[in-house]
Amino acid sequence: MQSVEVEICAGTACHLMGAQGLLDVTNTLKQTHGQRLQVKLTHCLGACAHGPNARINGTLYSRLTEEKLLALVNELLADNRGAR
């Protein structure tokens, strides 16, 4: 079973732009998806002016909202459901 790795930027700019809300969403998702979702906090991802930022499975996403993050992760986990 494949997993999804989410790295949320914990830098000052992203924090001020709503990174805590993104972290809250991942905590809720972890309750549903368990070990299929790996979450890490990271320092600056280099797109401070476009925060909050997160890297999901190696791809940088900027100007994330809680709703967008929820949709992205759920879509990726649904796509991986049948994968080996």
C-alpha atoms as a PDB file:
ATOM      1  CA  MET A   1       0.000   0.000   0.000  1.00  0.00           C
ATOM      2  CA  GLN A   2       1.510   3.305  -1.066  1.00  0.00           C
ATOM      3  CA  SER A   3       1.546   6.379   1.113  1.00  0.00           C
ATOM      4  CA  VAL A   4       1.437  10.121   0.614  1.00  0.00           C
ATOM      5  CA  GLU A   5       4.143  12.325   2.107  1.00  0.00           C
ATOM      6  CA  VAL A   6       3.211  15.885   3.026  1.00  0.00           C
ATOM      7  CA  GLU A   7       5.881  18.372   4.090  1.00  0.00           C
ATOM      8  CA  ILE A   8       4.367  21.570   5.458  1.00  0.00           C
ATOM      9  CA  CYS A   9       6.519  24.674   5.521  1.00  0.00           C
ATOM     10  CA  ALA A  10       6.909  25.940   9.082  1.00  0.00           C
ATOM     11  CA  GLY A  11       8.839  29.061   8.088  1.00  0.00           C
ATOM     12  CA  THR A  12       7.731  32.435   9.384  1.00  0.00           C
ATOM     13  CA  ALA A  13       6.003  33.613   6.196  1.00  0.00           C
ATOM     14  CA  CYS A  14       4.058  30.396   5.728  1.00  0.00           C
ATOM     15  CA  HIS A  15       3.166  30.289   9.401  1.00  0.00           C
ATOM     16  CA  LEU A  16       1.731  33.794   9.167  1.00  0.00           C
ATOM     17  CA  MET A  17      -0.163  32.861   5.982  1.00  0.00           C
ATOM     18  CA  GLY A  18      -1.944  29.847   7.467  1.00  0.00           C
ATOM     19  CA  ALA A  19       0.378  26.847   7.744  1.00  0.00           C
ATOM     20  CA  GLN A  20      -1.157  25.921  11.107  1.00  0.00           C
ATOM     21  CA  GLY A  21      -4.505  25.338   9.395  1.00  0.00           C
ATOM     22  CA  LEU A  22      -2.789  22.998   6.939  1.00  0.00           C
ATOM     23  CA  LEU A  23      -1.216  21.087   9.804  1.00  0.00           C
ATOM     24  CA  ASP A  24      -4.623  20.806  11.490  1.00  0.00           C
ATOM     25  CA  VAL A  25      -6.069  19.288   8.293  1.00  0.00           C
ATOM     26  CA  THR A  26      -3.281  16.708   8.098  1.00  0.00           C
ATOM     27  CA  ASN A  27      -3.910  15.729  11.712  1.00  0.00           C
ATOM     28  CA  THR A  28      -7.544  15.061  10.820  1.00  0.00           C
ATOM     29  CA  LEU A  29      -6.514  13.130   7.700  1.00  0.00           C
ATOM     30  CA  LYS A  30      -4.096  10.983   9.725  1.00  0.00           C
ATOM     31  CA  GLN A  31      -7.011   9.855  11.881  1.00  0.00           C
ATOM     32  CA  THR A  32      -8.756   8.604   8.741  1.00  0.00           C
ATOM     33  CA  HIS A  33      -5.833   7.287   6.698  1.00  0.00           C
ATOM     34  CA  GLY A  34      -3.341   6.318   9.409  1.00  0.00           C
ATOM     35  CA  GLN A  35       0.089   5.266   8.228  1.00  0.00           C
ATOM     36  CA  ARG A  36      -0.766   5.885   4.567  1.00  0.00           C
ATOM     37  CA  LEU A  37      -0.186   9.584   5.283  1.00  0.00           C
ATOM     38  CA  GLN A  38       3.244  10.780   6.384  1.00  0.00           C
ATOM     39  CA  VAL A  39       3.419  14.385   7.625  1.00  0.00           C
ATOM     40  CA  LYS A  40       6.535  16.417   8.362  1.00  0.00           C
ATOM     41  CA  LEU A  41       7.207  20.034   9.160  1.00  0.00           C
ATOM     42  CA  THR A  42      10.033  21.567   7.192  1.00  0.00           C
ATOM     43  CA  HIS A  43      11.824  24.869   6.983  1.00  0.00           C
ATOM     44  CA  CYS A  44      11.481  27.238   4.068  1.00  0.00           C
ATOM     45  CA  LEU A  45      10.495  25.690   0.747  1.00  0.00           C
ATOM     46  CA  GLY A  46      11.634  28.785  -1.156  1.00  0.00           C
ATOM     47  CA  ALA A  47       8.291  30.253  -2.166  1.00  0.00           C
ATOM     48  CA  CYS A  48       7.672  32.555   0.789  1.00  0.00           C
ATOM     49  CA  ALA A  49       5.638  35.130  -1.134  1.00  0.00           C
ATOM     50  CA  HIS A  50       3.206  32.442  -2.254  1.00  0.00           C
ATOM     51  CA  GLY A  51       2.508  30.711   1.051  1.00  0.00           C
ATOM     52  CA  PRO A  52       1.369  28.747   2.733  1.00  0.00           C
ATOM     53  CA  ASN A  53       3.377  26.083   0.951  1.00  0.00           C
ATOM     54  CA  ALA A  54       3.608  22.330   1.172  1.00  0.00           C
ATOM     55  CA  ARG A  55       5.469  19.676  -0.754  1.00  0.00           C
ATOM     56  CA  ILE A  56       3.333  16.621  -1.488  1.00  0.00           C
ATOM     57  CA  ASN A  57       5.134  13.559  -2.817  1.00  0.00           C
ATOM     58  CA  GLY A  58       7.935  15.848  -3.986  1.00  0.00           C
ATOM     59  CA  THR A  59       5.748  18.447  -5.746  1.00  0.00           C
ATOM     60  CA  LEU A  60       5.554  21.979  -4.357  1.00  0.00           C
ATOM     61  CA  TYR A  61       2.072  23.448  -3.905  1.00  0.00           C
ATOM     62  CA  SER A  62       1.695  27.148  -3.097  1.00  0.00           C
ATOM     63  CA  ARG A  63      -1.152  29.299  -1.843  1.00  0.00           C
ATOM     64  CA  LEU A  64      -2.677  26.202  -0.312  1.00  0.00           C
ATOM     65  CA  THR A  65      -5.928  26.393   1.545  1.00  0.00           C
ATOM     66  CA  GLU A  66      -7.159  23.770   3.949  1.00  0.00           C
ATOM     67  CA  GLU A  67      -9.772  22.718   1.395  1.00  0.00           C
ATOM     68  CA  LYS A  68      -7.222  22.354  -1.429  1.00  0.00           C
ATOM     69  CA  LEU A  69      -4.891  20.297   0.759  1.00  0.00           C
ATOM     70  CA  LEU A  70      -7.739  18.053   1.860  1.00  0.00           C
ATOM     71  CA  ALA A  71      -8.802  17.468  -1.760  1.00  0.00           C
ATOM     72  CA  LEU A  72      -5.244  16.810  -2.986  1.00  0.00           C
ATOM     73  CA  VAL A  73      -4.420  14.295  -0.271  1.00  0.00           C
ATOM     74  CA  ASN A  74      -7.747  12.494  -0.548  1.00  0.00           C
ATOM     75  CA  GLU A  75      -7.333  12.262  -4.331  1.00  0.00           C
ATOM     76  CA  LEU A  76      -3.806  10.897  -4.057  1.00  0.00           C
ATOM     77  CA  LEU A  77      -4.803   8.351  -1.444  1.00  0.00           C
ATOM     78  CA  ALA A  78      -7.824   7.263  -3.496  1.00  0.00           C
ATOM     79  CA  ASP A  79      -5.586   6.849  -6.581  1.00  0.00           C
ATOM     80  CA  ASN A  80      -3.175   4.709  -4.536  1.00  0.00           C
ATOM     81  CA  ARG A  81      -5.838   2.496  -3.028  1.00  0.00           C
ATOM     82  CA  GLY A  82      -5.407  -0.263  -5.575  1.00  0.00           C
ATOM     83  CA  ALA A  83      -1.664   0.224  -6.082  1.00  0.00           C
ATOM     84  CA  ARG A  84       0.902  -2.247  -4.800  1.00  0.00           C
END
